[in-house]
Protein backbone atom coordinates (compact mmCIF):
# COMPACT_ATOMS: atom_id res chain seq x y z
CA UNK A 1 11.54 -1.12 12.20
CA UNK A 2 8.03 0.29 12.52
CA UNK A 3 7.50 2.35 15.66
CA UNK A 4 4.76 1.30 18.02
CA UNK A 5 3.05 3.26 20.74
CA UNK A 6 1.29 2.05 23.88
CA UNK A 7 -2.46 2.68 23.88
CA UNK A 8 -3.73 1.15 27.14
CA UNK A 9 -4.34 -2.12 28.94
CA UNK A 10 -6.53 -4.39 26.82
CA UNK A 11 -9.34 -4.35 29.40
CA UNK A 12 -9.39 -0.53 29.44
CA UNK A 13 -10.40 -0.23 25.78
CA UNK A 14 -14.20 -0.32 25.89
CA UNK A 15 -16.90 0.10 23.25
CA UNK A 16 -18.35 3.59 22.94
CA UNK A 17 -15.06 5.33 23.75
CA UNK A 18 -12.18 6.43 21.58
CA UNK A 19 -8.59 7.02 22.60
CA UNK A 20 -5.98 9.16 20.93
CA UNK A 21 -2.36 8.16 20.60
CA UNK A 22 0.28 10.64 19.46
CA UNK A 23 2.37 9.39 16.56
CA UNK A 24 5.90 10.40 15.62
CA UNK A 25 6.76 12.84 12.88
CA UNK A 26 4.81 15.87 14.05
CA UNK A 27 6.38 19.20 13.07
CA UNK A 28 5.48 22.74 14.15
CA UNK A 29 2.65 24.00 11.95
CA UNK A 30 1.47 20.52 10.94
CA UNK A 31 -1.79 19.07 12.18
CA UNK A 32 -1.08 16.65 15.05
CA UNK A 33 -0.31 13.12 13.88
CA UNK A 34 -2.27 10.75 15.97
CA UNK A 35 -4.24 7.54 15.90
CA UNK A 36 -7.83 7.02 16.98
CA UNK A 37 -8.19 3.68 18.77
CA UNK A 38 -11.57 2.16 19.69
CA UNK A 39 -13.62 -1.01 19.93
CA UNK A 40 -16.29 -1.48 17.30
CA UNK A 41 -19.80 -2.76 18.08
CA UNK A 42 -18.58 -6.35 17.63
CA UNK A 43 -15.85 -5.89 20.26
CA UNK A 44 -12.91 -5.77 17.84
CA UNK A 45 -10.17 -3.23 18.55
CA UNK A 46 -9.57 -0.86 15.61
CA UNK A 47 -7.17 2.00 14.91
CA UNK A 48 -7.18 4.67 12.22
CA UNK A 49 -5.03 7.63 11.35
CA UNK A 50 -6.87 10.71 12.67
CA UNK A 51 -7.08 12.40 9.29
CA UNK A 52 -10.23 13.06 7.28
CA UNK A 53 -10.20 12.04 3.64
CA UNK A 54 -11.99 15.15 2.36
CA UNK A 55 -9.51 17.68 3.76
CA UNK A 56 -6.26 16.90 5.59
CA UNK A 57 -7.62 17.81 9.04
CA UNK A 58 -8.08 15.68 12.16
CA UNK A 59 -11.58 14.23 12.57
CA UNK A 60 -11.71 15.44 16.12
CA UNK A 61 -11.28 19.19 15.96
CA UNK A 62 -12.93 20.56 19.10
CA UNK A 63 -13.68 19.11 22.53
CA UNK A 64 -16.31 16.54 21.50
CA UNK A 65 -13.94 13.87 20.21
CA UNK A 66 -14.32 11.72 17.10
CA UNK A 67 -17.53 9.82 17.90
CA UNK A 68 -21.00 11.01 16.91
CA UNK A 69 -23.68 11.66 19.53
CA UNK A 70 -24.89 8.03 19.35
CA UNK A 71 -21.25 6.90 19.78
CA UNK A 72 -21.71 4.53 16.84
CA UNK A 73 -19.65 6.23 14.09
CA UNK A 74 -16.52 8.30 13.74
CA UNK A 75 -17.45 11.84 12.73
CA UNK A 76 -15.38 14.56 11.11
CA UNK A 77 -16.34 17.67 13.06
CA UNK A 78 -15.21 19.95 10.22
CA UNK A 79 -17.70 18.86 7.56
CA UNK A 80 -19.75 15.98 8.89
CA UNK A 81 -18.20 12.98 7.15
CA UNK A 82 -19.36 9.84 9.00
CA UNK A 83 -17.15 6.71 9.08
CA UNK A 84 -17.95 3.15 10.22
CA UNK A 85 -15.73 1.99 13.08
CA UNK A 86 -15.62 -1.58 11.70
CA UNK A 87 -13.69 -0.67 8.53
CA UNK A 88 -13.25 3.12 8.40
CA UNK A 89 -15.55 3.43 5.37
CA UNK A 90 -17.15 6.85 4.89
CA UNK A 91 -20.90 6.28 4.65
CA UNK A 92 -22.00 9.91 4.58
CA UNK A 93 -20.33 13.15 3.55
CA UNK A 94 -18.04 14.53 0.87
CA UNK A 95 -15.68 11.53 0.91
CA UNK A 96 -18.41 8.86 0.80
CA UNK A 97 -17.06 5.51 -0.36
CA UNK A 98 -13.46 6.16 0.78
CA UNK A 99 -11.88 4.62 3.88
CA UNK A 100 -9.73 5.98 6.68
CA UNK A 101 -6.17 4.66 6.84
CA UNK A 102 -6.25 1.63 9.15
CA UNK A 103 -3.34 1.14 11.53
CA UNK A 104 -2.15 -2.15 12.95
CA UNK A 105 -2.87 -2.96 16.57
CA UNK A 106 -0.84 -5.43 18.60
CA UNK A 107 -2.16 -6.97 21.82
CA UNK A 108 0.86 -8.14 23.77
CA UNK A 109 0.80 -9.24 27.39
CA UNK A 110 -2.53 -7.55 28.07
CA UNK A 111 -1.43 -4.23 26.58
CA UNK A 112 -2.55 -2.75 23.24
CA UNK A 113 0.00 -1.02 21.00
CA UNK A 114 -0.63 0.83 17.73
CA UNK A 115 1.94 0.85 14.95
CA UNK A 116 3.06 4.11 13.38
CA UNK A 117 3.19 3.94 9.58
CA UNK A 118 5.37 7.06 9.38
CA UNK A 119 4.72 9.92 7.01
């Protein structure tokens, strides 16, 4: 059975903000395994594995989080790759044309859960 992790109440997930959810399988010395969960500009909830496609590092290294200054794209703080929230496609940077790994979201009883694909 695929593990799932609670994100928040459905009404708490608002556009222009991103939430992190810890995923299972983290080992000492590994980068944290987590999901980035957000609403895109159309209001759809989306989730992606927090792992850049250029180098295996989280998008959100540092205190600024994974959204760019306009809060319209996911941004890898290590090397500037910019991803669309609607589909995870990299539109600028060294991994242009590739897409983040999408994760399944489940909205059940007014609560959003993200599934953990495992390692």
